[in-house]
Protein backbone atom coordinates (compact mmCIF):
# COMPACT_ATOMS: atom_id res chain seq x y z
CA MET A 1 -73.45 49.77 28.86
CA LYS A 2 -70.44 48.42 27.49
CA SER A 3 -68.19 50.91 29.81
CA LEU A 4 -70.21 50.34 32.34
CA THR A 5 -69.65 46.55 32.02
CA ILE A 6 -65.76 47.08 31.76
CA ALA A 7 -66.02 49.35 34.87
CA VAL A 8 -67.97 47.10 37.20
CA ILE A 9 -65.35 44.46 36.20
CA VAL A 10 -62.29 46.37 36.64
CA SER A 11 -63.89 47.43 39.92
CA PHE A 12 -64.51 44.05 41.21
CA ALA A 13 -60.79 43.16 40.14
CA ALA A 14 -59.32 45.85 41.84
CA SER A 15 -61.35 45.31 45.51
CA GLN A 16 -60.42 41.50 45.14
CA GLN A 17 -56.28 42.25 44.93
CA PRO A 18 -55.86 43.60 48.60
CA ARG A 19 -57.23 40.33 49.61
CA ALA A 20 -54.90 38.31 47.81
CA LEU A 21 -52.28 40.56 48.69
CA ALA A 22 -53.48 40.32 52.48
CA ALA A 23 -53.62 36.59 52.47
CA GLN A 24 -50.41 36.30 51.02
CA ALA A 25 -48.66 38.76 53.51
CA SER A 26 -50.26 36.76 56.45
CA LEU A 27 -48.58 33.26 55.25
CA PRO A 28 -45.90 32.11 57.24
CA VAL A 29 -42.22 32.34 56.23
CA LEU A 30 -39.13 30.15 57.50
CA THR A 31 -35.95 31.72 56.91
CA GLY A 32 -32.22 31.28 57.54
CA GLN A 33 -28.31 30.54 56.53
CA VAL A 34 -26.30 27.52 56.55
CA THR A 35 -22.74 28.39 57.82
CA ASP A 36 -20.00 25.93 58.18
CA SER A 37 -17.97 26.56 61.81
CA ALA A 38 -15.84 29.61 60.79
CA GLY A 39 -19.50 31.49 59.47
CA GLN A 40 -18.68 31.06 55.94
CA PRO A 41 -21.92 30.74 54.29
CA LEU A 42 -22.48 26.73 52.38
CA VAL A 43 -23.76 26.95 49.42
CA ASN A 44 -26.25 24.56 48.02
CA ALA A 45 -26.71 23.02 51.47
CA ILE A 46 -30.36 20.94 51.77
CA VAL A 47 -32.74 22.42 54.28
CA ARG A 48 -35.76 20.61 54.52
CA LEU A 49 -38.68 20.34 56.81
CA LEU A 50 -38.93 16.55 58.26
CA GLY A 51 -41.87 14.16 57.06
CA THR A 52 -43.34 16.78 54.77
CA ASN A 53 -42.13 17.13 50.91
CA HIS A 54 -40.48 20.65 51.44
CA LEU A 55 -37.26 20.69 50.70
CA VAL A 56 -34.87 23.98 49.42
CA LEU A 57 -31.23 24.81 49.11
CA THR A 58 -29.15 27.62 50.43
CA ASN A 59 -28.27 30.33 47.84
CA PRO A 60 -24.28 31.82 47.37
CA GLN A 61 -24.88 33.48 51.27
CA GLY A 62 -26.12 29.88 52.50
CA ARG A 63 -29.51 31.79 52.94
CA TYR A 64 -32.80 29.71 52.48
CA GLU A 65 -36.47 30.56 52.62
CA PHE A 66 -39.51 28.43 52.76
CA ARG A 67 -43.02 30.11 52.09
CA SER A 68 -46.71 29.25 52.18
CA ILE A 69 -46.22 26.82 55.14
CA PRO A 70 -49.24 25.49 56.84
CA ASP A 71 -49.13 26.30 60.74
CA GLY A 72 -47.51 23.84 62.76
CA VAL A 73 -44.66 22.23 64.25
CA TYR A 74 -42.32 21.17 62.63
CA THR A 75 -38.74 19.55 62.64
CA VAL A 76 -36.16 21.64 60.30
CA ARG A 77 -32.95 19.67 59.26
CA ALA A 78 -29.73 21.48 57.18
CA GLN A 79 -27.09 19.17 55.84
CA TYR A 80 -24.37 19.53 53.50
CA ILE A 81 -21.59 17.01 52.07
CA GLY A 82 -18.81 16.47 54.32
CA PHE A 83 -20.54 18.02 57.52
CA THR A 84 -22.65 17.26 60.30
CA LYS A 85 -26.56 17.36 59.86
CA GLY A 86 -27.69 20.13 62.06
CA GLN A 87 -31.33 20.11 63.34
CA ARG A 88 -34.08 22.21 65.26
CA ASP A 89 -36.78 20.10 66.87
CA SER A 90 -40.33 21.93 67.90
CA VAL A 91 -39.85 25.12 65.25
CA HIS A 92 -43.51 26.54 65.47
CA ILE A 93 -44.84 27.86 62.41
CA VAL A 94 -47.70 30.49 63.07
CA GLN A 95 -49.69 32.18 60.13
CA GLY A 96 -48.11 35.77 59.71
CA THR A 97 -44.80 35.64 61.10
CA THR A 98 -41.33 35.32 59.70
CA LEU A 99 -39.03 32.84 61.67
CA GLU A 100 -35.54 32.85 61.32
CA VAL A 101 -33.52 29.72 62.07
CA ASP A 102 -29.83 29.41 61.44
CA PHE A 103 -27.30 26.32 61.17
CA HIS A 104 -23.65 26.25 62.02
CA LEU A 105 -22.33 22.87 60.56
CA ARG A 106 -19.14 21.67 61.77
CA LEU A 107 -16.85 19.12 59.84
CA ALA A 108 -18.02 15.48 59.92
CA PRO A 109 -15.44 12.81 61.39
CA CYS A 110 -13.79 10.44 59.45
CA ASP A 111 -15.37 7.58 61.08
CA SER A 112 -13.87 4.99 58.29
CA PRO A 113 -10.58 5.00 56.85
CA CYS A 114 -9.79 8.02 54.52
CA SER A 115 -8.47 8.09 51.20
CA PHE A 116 -6.08 10.83 50.02
CA VAL A 117 -5.34 11.19 46.58
CA THR A 118 -2.30 13.18 45.62
CA PHE A 119 -1.47 14.23 42.06
CA HIS A 120 2.07 14.22 40.00
CA GLY A 121 3.00 15.50 36.64
CA LYS A 122 3.99 18.51 34.55
CA SER A 123 1.73 21.22 33.92
């Protein structure tokens, strides 16, 4: 009797796994890369979905990825210290799709007096 019970449990668990994987596979993914104007990746740039608490940092290749985002229309913003912000409005996230949104950020102009530090000394 014990072996029959174990077989039924294993069979039930195995039958549930494909549904869970199918549900995960159908979740939307938003991915992309953040680079400077020369195409070099910006590491640890902040990418966020405005109006939500979704925020990620880019990896060493400047890539980012959001998973498990609810369907909807979002504004995506990328920012990095010393660069202008990049923004894409009306990004449609739909179940089961992967959408790529890249950002190419430019150096920010220096609006206020800039300071330069020069070091002199012996090594």
